Amino acid sequence: MLTKRRTMQLLLLTAGAVLTGIGIAKGEPGVVMEKAVRICLECIGIG
């Protein structure tokens, strides 16, 4: 039998996996990479 703590851990793990999958499906990794590159270039004075 699952304890309350174990049930909550599984629920949060599942929610995290679902939200990660939604973000990947929407193309968010590309957006994050664009922003990271832009910030990096600004820091070194090129962008």
PDB file of N, CA and C in Angstrom:
ATOM      1  N   MET A   1       0.843  -1.190   0.000  1.00  0.00           N
ATOM      2  CA  MET A   1       0.000   0.000   0.000  1.00  0.00           C
ATOM      3  C   MET A   1       0.884   1.248   0.000  1.00  0.00           C
ATOM      4  N   LEU A   2       0.516   2.238  -0.824  1.00  0.00           N
ATOM      5  CA  LEU A   2       1.295   3.460  -0.919  1.00  0.00           C
ATOM      6  C   LEU A   2       0.984   4.400   0.232  1.00  0.00           C
ATOM      7  N   THR A   3       2.028   5.000   0.764  1.00  0.00           N
ATOM      8  CA  THR A   3       1.827   5.985   1.816  1.00  0.00           C
ATOM      9  C   THR A   3       1.481   7.326   1.178  1.00  0.00           C
ATOM     10  N   LYS A   4       1.051   8.265   1.985  1.00  0.00           N
ATOM     11  CA  LYS A   4       0.705   9.589   1.471  1.00  0.00           C
ATOM     12  C   LYS A   4       1.922  10.257   0.838  1.00  0.00           C
ATOM     13  N   ARG A   5       3.074  10.093   1.475  1.00  0.00           N
ATOM     14  CA  ARG A   5       4.293  10.714   0.948  1.00  0.00           C
ATOM     15  C   ARG A   5       4.655  10.128  -0.419  1.00  0.00           C
ATOM     16  N   ARG A   6       4.594   8.811  -0.522  1.00  0.00           N
ATOM     17  CA  ARG A   6       4.939   8.143  -1.781  1.00  0.00           C
ATOM     18  C   ARG A   6       3.951   8.531  -2.888  1.00  0.00           C
ATOM     19  N   THR A   7       2.678   8.625  -2.547  1.00  0.00           N
ATOM     20  CA  THR A   7       1.656   9.026  -3.510  1.00  0.00           C
ATOM     21  C   THR A   7       1.924  10.439  -4.011  1.00  0.00           C
ATOM     22  N   MET A   8       2.278  11.347  -3.095  1.00  0.00           N
ATOM     23  CA  MET A   8       2.563  12.728  -3.477  1.00  0.00           C
ATOM     24  C   MET A   8       3.811  12.788  -4.364  1.00  0.00           C
ATOM     25  N   GLN A   9       4.823  12.001  -4.065  1.00  0.00           N
ATOM     26  CA  GLN A   9       6.032  11.966  -4.882  1.00  0.00           C
ATOM     27  C   GLN A   9       5.703  11.517  -6.306  1.00  0.00           C
ATOM     28  N   LEU A  10       4.913  10.477  -6.418  1.00  0.00           N
ATOM     29  CA  LEU A  10       4.538   9.983  -7.744  1.00  0.00           C
ATOM     30  C   LEU A  10       3.688  10.997  -8.503  1.00  0.00           C
ATOM     31  N   LEU A  11       2.788  11.668  -7.797  1.00  0.00           N
ATOM     32  CA  LEU A  11       1.944  12.687  -8.422  1.00  0.00           C
ATOM     33  C   LEU A  11       2.793  13.841  -8.949  1.00  0.00           C
ATOM     34  N   LEU A  12       3.740  14.323  -8.153  1.00  0.00           N
ATOM     35  CA  LEU A  12       4.590  15.430  -8.581  1.00  0.00           C
ATOM     36  C   LEU A  12       5.522  15.024  -9.716  1.00  0.00           C
ATOM     37  N   LEU A  13       6.033  13.811  -9.657  1.00  0.00           N
ATOM     38  CA  LEU A  13       6.892  13.313 -10.733  1.00  0.00           C
ATOM     39  C   LEU A  13       6.113  13.229 -12.047  1.00  0.00           C
ATOM     40  N   THR A  14       4.906  12.727 -11.976  1.00  0.00           N
ATOM     41  CA  THR A  14       4.058  12.619 -13.158  1.00  0.00           C
ATOM     42  C   THR A  14       3.709  13.999 -13.709  1.00  0.00           C
ATOM     43  N   ALA A  15       3.354  14.928 -12.824  1.00  0.00           N
ATOM     44  CA  ALA A  15       3.026  16.289 -13.263  1.00  0.00           C
ATOM     45  C   ALA A  15       4.233  16.940 -13.929  1.00  0.00           C
ATOM     46  N   GLY A  16       5.413  16.769 -13.353  1.00  0.00           N
ATOM     47  CA  GLY A  16       6.627  17.330 -13.945  1.00  0.00           C
ATOM     48  C   GLY A  16       6.913  16.755 -15.316  1.00  0.00           C
ATOM     49  N   ALA A  17       6.735  15.448 -15.460  1.00  0.00           N
ATOM     50  CA  ALA A  17       6.976  14.795 -16.751  1.00  0.00           C
ATOM     51  C   ALA A  17       5.976  15.280 -17.801  1.00  0.00           C
ATOM     52  N   VAL A  18       4.731  15.434 -17.412  1.00  0.00           N
ATOM     53  CA  VAL A  18       3.700  15.903 -18.346  1.00  0.00           C
ATOM     54  C   VAL A  18       4.000  17.338 -18.785  1.00  0.00           C
ATOM     55  N   LEU A  19       4.321  18.202 -17.831  1.00  0.00           N
ATOM     56  CA  LEU A  19       4.604  19.603 -18.171  1.00  0.00           C
ATOM     57  C   LEU A  19       5.875  19.731 -19.003  1.00  0.00           C
ATOM     58  N   THR A  20       6.874  18.911 -18.739  1.00  0.00           N
ATOM     59  CA  THR A  20       8.090  18.910 -19.549  1.00  0.00           C
ATOM     60  C   THR A  20       7.758  18.492 -20.982  1.00  0.00           C
ATOM     61  N   GLY A  21       6.945  17.469 -21.130  1.00  0.00           N
ATOM     62  CA  GLY A  21       6.536  17.006 -22.454  1.00  0.00           C
ATOM     63  C   GLY A  21       5.764  18.068 -23.215  1.00  0.00           C
ATOM     64  N   ILE A  22       4.897  18.786 -22.534  1.00  0.00           N
ATOM     65  CA  ILE A  22       4.137  19.861 -23.181  1.00  0.00           C
ATOM     66  C   ILE A  22       5.077  20.957 -23.655  1.00  0.00           C
ATOM     67  N   GLY A  23       6.044  21.324 -22.822  1.00  0.00           N
ATOM     68  CA  GLY A  23       7.005  22.353 -23.198  1.00  0.00           C
ATOM     69  C   GLY A  23       7.829  21.950 -24.411  1.00  0.00           C
ATOM     70  N   ILE A  24       8.260  20.707 -24.444  1.00  0.00           N
ATOM     71  CA  ILE A  24       9.032  20.206 -25.584  1.00  0.00           C
ATOM     72  C   ILE A  24       8.171  20.211 -26.848  1.00  0.00           C
ATOM     73  N   ALA A  25       6.918  19.801 -26.719  1.00  0.00           N
ATOM     74  CA  ALA A  25       6.019  19.761 -27.868  1.00  0.00           C
ATOM     75  C   ALA A  25       5.747  21.161 -28.431  1.00  0.00           C
ATOM     76  N   LYS A  26       5.773  22.174 -27.566  1.00  0.00           N
ATOM     77  CA  LYS A  26       5.526  23.546 -28.014  1.00  0.00           C
ATOM     78  C   LYS A  26       6.772  24.219 -28.567  1.00  0.00           C
ATOM     79  N   GLY A  27       7.920  23.545 -28.515  1.00  0.00           N
ATOM     80  CA  GLY A  27       9.147  24.117 -29.067  1.00  0.00           C
ATOM     81  C   GLY A  27       9.888  25.039 -28.116  1.00  0.00           C
ATOM     82  N   GLU A  28       9.638  24.923 -26.846  1.00  0.00           N
ATOM     83  CA  GLU A  28      10.264  25.796 -25.863  1.00  0.00           C
ATOM     84  C   GLU A  28      11.785  25.650 -25.764  1.00  0.00           C
ATOM     85  N   PRO A  29      12.359  24.466 -25.969  1.00  0.00           N
ATOM     86  CA  PRO A  29      13.823  24.385 -25.879  1.00  0.00           C
ATOM     87  C   PRO A  29      14.524  25.327 -26.865  1.00  0.00           C
ATOM     88  N   GLY A  30      13.972  25.496 -28.047  1.00  0.00           N
ATOM     89  CA  GLY A  30      14.558  26.413 -29.018  1.00  0.00           C
ATOM     90  C   GLY A  30      14.494  27.859 -28.553  1.00  0.00           C
ATOM     91  N   VAL A  31      13.387  28.229 -27.937  1.00  0.00           N
ATOM     92  CA  VAL A  31      13.214  29.589 -27.424  1.00  0.00           C
ATOM     93  C   VAL A  31      14.222  29.854 -26.308  1.00  0.00           C
ATOM     94  N   VAL A  32      14.366  28.894 -25.416  1.00  0.00           N
ATOM     95  CA  VAL A  32      15.307  29.037 -24.311  1.00  0.00           C
ATOM     96  C   VAL A  32      16.736  29.152 -24.835  1.00  0.00           C
ATOM     97  N   MET A  33      17.073  28.371 -25.844  1.00  0.00           N
ATOM     98  CA  MET A  33      18.416  28.426 -26.416  1.00  0.00           C
ATOM     99  C   MET A  33      18.678  29.779 -27.065  1.00  0.00           C
ATOM    100  N   GLU A  34      17.698  30.308 -27.792  1.00  0.00           N
ATOM    101  CA  GLU A  34      17.842  31.638 -28.404  1.00  0.00           C
ATOM    102  C   GLU A  34      18.134  32.694 -27.352  1.00  0.00           C
ATOM    103  N   LYS A  35      17.371  32.671 -26.268  1.00  0.00           N
ATOM    104  CA  LYS A  35      17.556  33.657 -25.203  1.00  0.00           C
ATOM    105  C   LYS A  35      18.917  33.495 -24.536  1.00  0.00           C
ATOM    106  N   ALA A  36      19.334  32.260 -24.327  1.00  0.00           N
ATOM    107  CA  ALA A  36      20.630  32.009 -23.697  1.00  0.00           C
ATOM    108  C   ALA A  36      21.766  32.526 -24.562  1.00  0.00           C
ATOM    109  N   VAL A  37      21.692  32.298 -25.849  1.00  0.00           N
ATOM    110  CA  VAL A  37      22.729  32.780 -26.767  1.00  0.00           C
ATOM    111  C   VAL A  37      22.750  34.302 -26.773  1.00  0.00           C
ATOM    112  N   ARG A  38      21.582  34.920 -26.827  1.00  0.00           N
ATOM    113  CA  ARG A  38      21.500  36.378 -26.845  1.00  0.00           C
ATOM    114  C   ARG A  38      22.105  36.975 -25.581  1.00  0.00           C
ATOM    115  N   ILE A  39      21.768  36.409 -24.426  1.00  0.00           N
ATOM    116  CA  ILE A  39      22.315  36.902 -23.158  1.00  0.00           C
ATOM    117  C   ILE A  39      23.823  36.713 -23.125  1.00  0.00           C
ATOM    118  N   CYS A  40      24.302  35.575 -23.574  1.00  0.00           N
ATOM    119  CA  CYS A  40      25.734  35.293 -23.571  1.00  0.00           C
ATOM    120  C   CYS A  40      26.482  36.284 -24.464  1.00  0.00           C
ATOM    121  N   LEU A  41      25.946  36.538 -25.642  1.00  0.00           N
ATOM    122  CA  LEU A  41      26.593  37.472 -26.559  1.00  0.00           C
ATOM    123  C   LEU A  41      26.593  38.892 -25.995  1.00  0.00           C
ATOM    124  N   GLU A  42      25.521  39.273 -25.303  1.00  0.00           N
ATOM    125  CA  GLU A  42      25.483  40.592 -24.683  1.00  0.00           C
ATOM    126  C   GLU A  42      26.513  40.702 -23.579  1.00  0.00           C
ATOM    127  N   CYS A  43      26.720  39.644 -22.837  1.00  0.00           N
ATOM    128  CA  CYS A  43      27.691  39.680 -21.727  1.00  0.00           C
ATOM    129  C   CYS A  43      29.115  39.889 -22.219  1.00  0.00           C
ATOM    130  N   ILE A  44      29.444  39.323 -23.363  1.00  0.00           N
ATOM    131  CA  ILE A  44      30.818  39.471 -23.855  1.00  0.00           C
ATOM    132  C   ILE A  44      30.947  40.653 -24.815  1.00  0.00           C
ATOM    133  N   GLY A  45      29.836  41.381 -25.025  1.00  0.00           N
ATOM    134  CA  GLY A  45      29.887  42.618 -25.781  1.00  0.00           C
ATOM    135  C   GLY A  45      29.740  42.495 -27.280  1.00  0.00           C
ATOM    136  N   ILE A  46      29.298  41.364 -27.786  1.00  0.00           N
ATOM    137  CA  ILE A  46      29.134  41.215 -29.231  1.00  0.00           C
ATOM    138  C   ILE A  46      27.706  41.570 -29.652  1.00  0.00           C
ATOM    139  N   GLY A  47      26.733  41.217 -28.858  1.00  0.00           N
ATOM    140  CA  GLY A  47      25.339  41.392 -29.253  1.00  0.00           C
ATOM    141  C   GLY A  47      24.809  42.671 -28.792  1.00  0.00           C
TER     142      GLY A  47
END
